[in-house]
N, C-alpha and C. Protein backbone atom coordinates (compact mmCIF):
# COMPACT_ATOMS: atom_id res chain seq x y z
N UNK A 1 108.89 -19.24 88.00
CA UNK A 1 108.45 -18.46 89.13
C UNK A 1 108.89 -17.02 88.94
N UNK A 2 108.21 -16.16 89.67
CA UNK A 2 108.51 -14.74 89.58
C UNK A 2 109.80 -14.42 90.33
N UNK A 3 110.28 -13.20 90.08
CA UNK A 3 111.48 -12.75 90.78
C UNK A 3 111.21 -12.72 92.29
N UNK A 4 112.25 -12.89 93.07
CA UNK A 4 112.05 -12.89 94.54
C UNK A 4 111.49 -11.55 95.02
N UNK A 5 110.40 -11.65 95.79
CA UNK A 5 109.76 -10.47 96.37
C UNK A 5 109.45 -10.77 97.82
N UNK A 6 108.81 -9.82 98.48
CA UNK A 6 108.43 -10.04 99.86
C UNK A 6 107.35 -11.11 99.98
N UNK A 7 106.60 -11.33 98.88
CA UNK A 7 105.53 -12.33 98.86
C UNK A 7 106.09 -13.60 98.26
N UNK A 8 105.61 -14.70 98.74
CA UNK A 8 106.04 -16.00 98.22
C UNK A 8 105.78 -16.06 96.72
N UNK A 9 106.70 -16.59 95.95
CA UNK A 9 106.61 -16.67 94.50
C UNK A 9 105.45 -17.53 94.04
N UNK A 10 105.13 -18.57 94.83
CA UNK A 10 104.02 -19.43 94.44
C UNK A 10 102.69 -18.67 94.50
N UNK A 11 102.59 -17.75 95.44
CA UNK A 11 101.35 -16.97 95.55
C UNK A 11 101.22 -16.03 94.36
N UNK A 12 102.30 -15.36 93.99
CA UNK A 12 102.24 -14.46 92.84
C UNK A 12 101.96 -15.23 91.55
N UNK A 13 102.51 -16.43 91.42
CA UNK A 13 102.21 -17.26 90.25
C UNK A 13 100.73 -17.66 90.22
N UNK A 14 100.18 -18.03 91.36
CA UNK A 14 98.78 -18.43 91.42
C UNK A 14 97.86 -17.27 91.04
N UNK A 15 98.18 -16.06 91.58
CA UNK A 15 97.36 -14.90 91.27
C UNK A 15 97.48 -14.56 89.79
N UNK A 16 98.67 -14.64 89.24
CA UNK A 16 98.87 -14.33 87.83
C UNK A 16 98.12 -15.31 86.94
N UNK A 17 98.18 -16.59 87.28
CA UNK A 17 97.47 -17.60 86.48
C UNK A 17 95.96 -17.41 86.56
N UNK A 18 95.49 -17.03 87.75
CA UNK A 18 94.04 -16.77 87.89
C UNK A 18 93.63 -15.59 87.03
N UNK A 19 94.42 -14.53 87.03
CA UNK A 19 94.11 -13.36 86.20
C UNK A 19 94.12 -13.71 84.72
N UNK A 20 95.07 -14.54 84.30
CA UNK A 20 95.15 -14.95 82.89
C UNK A 20 93.92 -15.78 82.54
N UNK A 21 93.50 -16.68 83.43
CA UNK A 21 92.32 -17.50 83.17
C UNK A 21 91.07 -16.63 83.05
N UNK A 22 90.96 -15.64 83.91
CA UNK A 22 89.79 -14.74 83.85
C UNK A 22 89.79 -13.98 82.54
N UNK A 23 90.96 -13.49 82.14
CA UNK A 23 91.03 -12.77 80.87
C UNK A 23 90.75 -13.68 79.68
N UNK A 24 91.13 -14.94 79.78
CA UNK A 24 90.90 -15.88 78.68
C UNK A 24 89.42 -16.27 78.60
N UNK A 25 88.75 -16.35 79.75
CA UNK A 25 87.34 -16.76 79.77
C UNK A 25 86.39 -15.62 79.40
N UNK A 26 86.81 -14.38 79.55
CA UNK A 26 85.93 -13.23 79.36
C UNK A 26 85.28 -13.18 77.97
N UNK A 27 86.01 -13.37 76.87
CA UNK A 27 85.34 -13.30 75.56
C UNK A 27 84.28 -14.38 75.38
N UNK A 28 84.56 -15.58 75.85
CA UNK A 28 83.57 -16.65 75.73
C UNK A 28 82.32 -16.36 76.53
N UNK A 29 82.49 -15.85 77.73
CA UNK A 29 81.33 -15.52 78.55
C UNK A 29 80.55 -14.35 77.96
N UNK A 30 81.27 -13.40 77.40
CA UNK A 30 80.60 -12.26 76.77
C UNK A 30 79.77 -12.72 75.58
N UNK A 31 80.32 -13.61 74.77
CA UNK A 31 79.57 -14.13 73.63
C UNK A 31 78.38 -14.96 74.08
N UNK A 32 78.56 -15.74 75.13
CA UNK A 32 77.44 -16.54 75.65
C UNK A 32 76.31 -15.62 76.12
N UNK A 33 76.65 -14.54 76.80
CA UNK A 33 75.64 -13.58 77.25
C UNK A 33 74.96 -12.93 76.05
N UNK A 34 75.76 -12.58 75.04
CA UNK A 34 75.21 -11.97 73.84
C UNK A 34 74.23 -12.91 73.16
N UNK A 35 74.58 -14.19 73.03
CA UNK A 35 73.69 -15.17 72.40
C UNK A 35 72.40 -15.34 73.19
N UNK A 36 72.50 -15.35 74.51
CA UNK A 36 71.30 -15.47 75.33
C UNK A 36 70.39 -14.26 75.15
N UNK A 37 70.97 -13.08 75.11
CA UNK A 37 70.17 -11.86 74.93
C UNK A 37 69.51 -11.87 73.55
N UNK A 38 70.26 -12.28 72.53
CA UNK A 38 69.69 -12.34 71.18
C UNK A 38 68.54 -13.34 71.11
N UNK A 39 68.71 -14.51 71.71
CA UNK A 39 67.65 -15.51 71.70
C UNK A 39 66.41 -14.99 72.42
N UNK A 40 66.61 -14.32 73.53
CA UNK A 40 65.50 -13.75 74.28
C UNK A 40 64.78 -12.68 73.46
N UNK A 41 65.54 -11.84 72.78
CA UNK A 41 64.96 -10.77 71.96
C UNK A 41 64.15 -11.34 70.81
N UNK A 42 64.68 -12.37 70.15
CA UNK A 42 63.94 -13.00 69.06
C UNK A 42 62.66 -13.63 69.59
N UNK A 43 62.73 -14.25 70.75
CA UNK A 43 61.53 -14.85 71.35
C UNK A 43 60.47 -13.81 71.64
N UNK A 44 60.87 -12.68 72.20
CA UNK A 44 59.91 -11.60 72.49
C UNK A 44 59.34 -11.04 71.19
N UNK A 45 60.17 -10.92 70.16
CA UNK A 45 59.68 -10.45 68.87
C UNK A 45 58.63 -11.38 68.29
N UNK A 46 58.84 -12.68 68.41
CA UNK A 46 57.85 -13.64 67.91
C UNK A 46 56.56 -13.55 68.71
N UNK A 47 56.67 -13.38 70.03
CA UNK A 47 55.47 -13.23 70.85
C UNK A 47 54.70 -11.98 70.45
N UNK A 48 55.41 -10.89 70.19
CA UNK A 48 54.74 -9.65 69.78
C UNK A 48 54.06 -9.81 68.43
N UNK A 49 54.71 -10.51 67.50
CA UNK A 49 54.11 -10.73 66.18
C UNK A 49 52.83 -11.57 66.30
N UNK A 50 52.88 -12.60 67.11
CA UNK A 50 51.70 -13.44 67.32
C UNK A 50 50.58 -12.63 67.95
N UNK A 51 50.91 -11.83 68.93
CA UNK A 51 49.90 -10.99 69.58
C UNK A 51 49.29 -10.00 68.60
N UNK A 52 50.11 -9.41 67.74
CA UNK A 52 49.60 -8.45 66.75
C UNK A 52 48.66 -9.15 65.77
N UNK A 53 49.00 -10.37 65.35
CA UNK A 53 48.13 -11.12 64.44
C UNK A 53 46.80 -11.43 65.11
N UNK A 54 46.84 -11.83 66.37
CA UNK A 54 45.60 -12.13 67.08
C UNK A 54 44.74 -10.88 67.21
N UNK A 55 45.36 -9.76 67.54
CA UNK A 55 44.61 -8.51 67.67
C UNK A 55 44.01 -8.08 66.33
N UNK A 56 44.78 -8.26 65.26
CA UNK A 56 44.26 -7.92 63.94
C UNK A 56 43.07 -8.78 63.55
N UNK A 57 43.13 -10.06 63.87
CA UNK A 57 42.02 -10.96 63.59
C UNK A 57 40.78 -10.55 64.39
N UNK A 58 40.98 -10.20 65.64
CA UNK A 58 39.86 -9.77 66.48
C UNK A 58 39.22 -8.50 65.92
N UNK A 59 40.04 -7.55 65.50
CA UNK A 59 39.50 -6.31 64.91
C UNK A 59 38.77 -6.60 63.60
N UNK A 60 39.31 -7.49 62.80
CA UNK A 60 38.65 -7.86 61.54
C UNK A 60 37.30 -8.49 61.77
N UNK A 61 37.23 -9.39 62.76
CA UNK A 61 35.95 -10.02 63.08
C UNK A 61 34.94 -9.00 63.58
N UNK A 62 35.40 -8.07 64.41
CA UNK A 62 34.50 -7.04 64.93
C UNK A 62 33.97 -6.16 63.80
N UNK A 63 34.84 -5.79 62.86
CA UNK A 63 34.41 -4.95 61.74
C UNK A 63 33.41 -5.70 60.86
N UNK A 64 33.67 -6.97 60.61
CA UNK A 64 32.74 -7.77 59.79
C UNK A 64 31.39 -7.90 60.48
N UNK A 65 31.41 -8.11 61.78
CA UNK A 65 30.16 -8.23 62.53
C UNK A 65 29.37 -6.93 62.49
N UNK A 66 30.05 -5.80 62.65
CA UNK A 66 29.37 -4.51 62.58
C UNK A 66 28.79 -4.28 61.18
N UNK A 67 29.52 -4.65 60.16
CA UNK A 67 29.01 -4.50 58.80
C UNK A 67 27.77 -5.34 58.55
N UNK A 68 27.80 -6.58 59.00
CA UNK A 68 26.63 -7.45 58.82
C UNK A 68 25.45 -6.91 59.62
N UNK A 69 25.70 -6.46 60.84
CA UNK A 69 24.62 -5.87 61.65
C UNK A 69 24.04 -4.65 60.96
N UNK A 70 24.88 -3.83 60.36
CA UNK A 70 24.40 -2.64 59.66
C UNK A 70 23.52 -3.03 58.48
N UNK A 71 23.93 -4.04 57.74
CA UNK A 71 23.14 -4.48 56.59
C UNK A 71 21.81 -5.08 57.04
N UNK A 72 21.82 -5.86 58.11
CA UNK A 72 20.59 -6.50 58.58
C UNK A 72 19.62 -5.53 59.23
N UNK A 73 20.06 -4.39 59.69
CA UNK A 73 19.17 -3.45 60.36
C UNK A 73 18.66 -2.34 59.45
N UNK A 74 18.90 -2.43 58.15
CA UNK A 74 18.39 -1.42 57.23
C UNK A 74 16.88 -1.55 57.10
N UNK A 75 16.20 -0.42 56.91
CA UNK A 75 14.76 -0.44 56.67
C UNK A 75 14.49 -1.10 55.32
N UNK A 76 13.36 -1.78 55.22
CA UNK A 76 13.04 -2.48 53.98
C UNK A 76 12.86 -1.50 52.83
N UNK A 77 12.24 -0.37 53.08
CA UNK A 77 11.97 0.59 52.01
C UNK A 77 13.23 1.28 51.51
N UNK A 78 14.24 1.36 52.36
CA UNK A 78 15.44 2.11 52.00
C UNK A 78 16.63 1.21 51.71
N UNK A 79 16.38 -0.07 51.45
CA UNK A 79 17.48 -1.01 51.24
C UNK A 79 18.40 -0.60 50.10
N UNK A 80 17.84 -0.32 48.95
CA UNK A 80 18.67 -0.04 47.77
C UNK A 80 19.45 1.25 47.96
N UNK A 81 18.80 2.28 48.44
CA UNK A 81 19.46 3.57 48.62
C UNK A 81 20.55 3.47 49.68
N UNK A 82 20.21 2.85 50.80
CA UNK A 82 21.19 2.73 51.88
C UNK A 82 22.36 1.87 51.48
N UNK A 83 22.09 0.78 50.78
CA UNK A 83 23.18 -0.10 50.36
C UNK A 83 24.10 0.63 49.39
N UNK A 84 23.52 1.38 48.46
CA UNK A 84 24.35 2.12 47.52
C UNK A 84 25.16 3.19 48.26
N UNK A 85 24.55 3.84 49.25
CA UNK A 85 25.27 4.87 50.01
C UNK A 85 26.42 4.25 50.80
N UNK A 86 26.17 3.08 51.39
CA UNK A 86 27.21 2.42 52.18
C UNK A 86 28.36 1.99 51.27
N UNK A 87 28.01 1.42 50.12
CA UNK A 87 29.04 0.88 49.23
C UNK A 87 29.78 1.96 48.47
N UNK A 88 29.11 3.04 48.12
CA UNK A 88 29.77 4.06 47.31
C UNK A 88 29.99 5.37 48.04
N UNK A 89 29.18 5.65 49.07
CA UNK A 89 29.30 6.92 49.75
C UNK A 89 28.85 8.07 48.87
N UNK A 90 27.92 7.79 47.93
CA UNK A 90 27.50 8.77 46.94
C UNK A 90 26.21 9.44 47.42
N UNK A 91 26.31 10.67 47.91
CA UNK A 91 25.12 11.38 48.40
C UNK A 91 24.23 11.85 47.25
N UNK A 92 24.80 12.06 46.07
CA UNK A 92 24.00 12.47 44.91
C UNK A 92 23.02 11.38 44.52
N UNK A 93 23.48 10.13 44.56
CA UNK A 93 22.59 9.01 44.24
C UNK A 93 21.45 8.93 45.24
N UNK A 94 21.72 9.23 46.48
CA UNK A 94 20.66 9.21 47.49
C UNK A 94 19.64 10.33 47.22
N UNK A 95 20.11 11.49 46.86
CA UNK A 95 19.19 12.59 46.55
C UNK A 95 18.33 12.26 45.34
N UNK A 96 18.94 11.68 44.30
CA UNK A 96 18.18 11.30 43.11
C UNK A 96 17.13 10.25 43.44
N UNK A 97 17.47 9.30 44.27
CA UNK A 97 16.50 8.27 44.65
C UNK A 97 15.36 8.88 45.44
N UNK A 98 15.65 9.83 46.31
CA UNK A 98 14.59 10.51 47.07
C UNK A 98 13.68 11.30 46.15
N UNK A 99 14.27 12.00 45.17
CA UNK A 99 13.46 12.75 44.22
C UNK A 99 12.59 11.84 43.37
N UNK A 100 13.15 10.72 42.94
CA UNK A 100 12.37 9.74 42.17
C UNK A 100 11.21 9.21 42.98
N UNK A 101 11.43 8.93 44.25
CA UNK A 101 10.37 8.43 45.11
C UNK A 101 9.28 9.49 45.29
N UNK A 102 9.69 10.75 45.48
CA UNK A 102 8.72 11.83 45.63
C UNK A 102 7.92 12.02 44.34
N UNK A 103 8.60 11.94 43.20
CA UNK A 103 7.93 12.08 41.91
C UNK A 103 6.91 10.97 41.69
N UNK A 104 7.32 9.75 42.00
CA UNK A 104 6.41 8.61 41.85
C UNK A 104 5.21 8.77 42.77
N UNK A 105 5.41 9.26 43.96
CA UNK A 105 4.32 9.46 44.92
C UNK A 105 3.36 10.54 44.43
N UNK A 106 3.91 11.63 43.91
CA UNK A 106 3.04 12.71 43.42
C UNK A 106 2.28 12.28 42.18
N UNK A 107 2.89 11.50 41.31
CA UNK A 107 2.20 11.00 40.12
C UNK A 107 1.07 10.07 40.52
N UNK A 108 1.29 9.26 41.54
CA UNK A 108 0.25 8.35 42.01
C UNK A 108 -0.92 9.16 42.59
N UNK A 109 -0.61 10.25 43.28
CA UNK A 109 -1.66 11.11 43.84
C UNK A 109 -2.48 11.76 42.74
N UNK A 110 -1.81 12.21 41.68
CA UNK A 110 -2.50 12.83 40.54
C UNK A 110 -3.39 11.82 39.85
N UNK A 111 -2.91 10.61 39.64
CA UNK A 111 -3.71 9.57 38.98
C UNK A 111 -4.92 9.23 39.83
N UNK A 112 -4.74 9.18 41.12
CA UNK A 112 -5.86 8.87 42.01
C UNK A 112 -6.90 9.99 41.96
N UNK A 113 -6.44 11.22 41.94
CA UNK A 113 -7.36 12.35 41.90
C UNK A 113 -8.12 12.40 40.57
N UNK A 114 -7.48 12.03 39.47
CA UNK A 114 -8.12 12.06 38.16
C UNK A 114 -9.13 10.92 38.01
N UNK A 115 -8.89 9.84 38.65
CA UNK A 115 -9.78 8.69 38.48
C UNK A 115 -11.01 8.78 39.36
N UNK A 116 -11.05 9.68 40.33
CA UNK A 116 -12.22 9.82 41.17
C UNK A 116 -13.26 10.68 40.44
N UNK A 117 -14.54 10.36 40.58
CA UNK A 117 -15.58 11.15 39.90
C UNK A 117 -15.61 12.57 40.45
N UNK A 118 -15.75 13.50 39.59
CA UNK A 118 -15.85 14.90 39.96
C UNK A 118 -14.50 15.53 40.17
N UNK A 119 -13.38 14.83 39.84
CA UNK A 119 -12.06 15.35 40.12
C UNK A 119 -11.41 16.01 39.04
């Protein structure tokens, strides 16, 4: 028991023991709280990763759908030129194809004019 004071010794002993118990329990409770916070954080991280994967899949599907729609809506006459432009982004190839088409058209016009009587 504690030294004689104005307060009963049993009361001071009880208060002292309670304080010691609180101090002894504090590290365990702190670690338990830390473990709970860590588990919660890992859980949220996993949820975020799953959400990011789902969003990426959705964006990939949308891009693929747009690409297929673009390919299916090309004009029949411009399929080769447009496909090459889409795949390579080469504007020079498009210009050459246009010039070749114009040349072929003008040659056809000349042949038609030569084959007509009086031409």
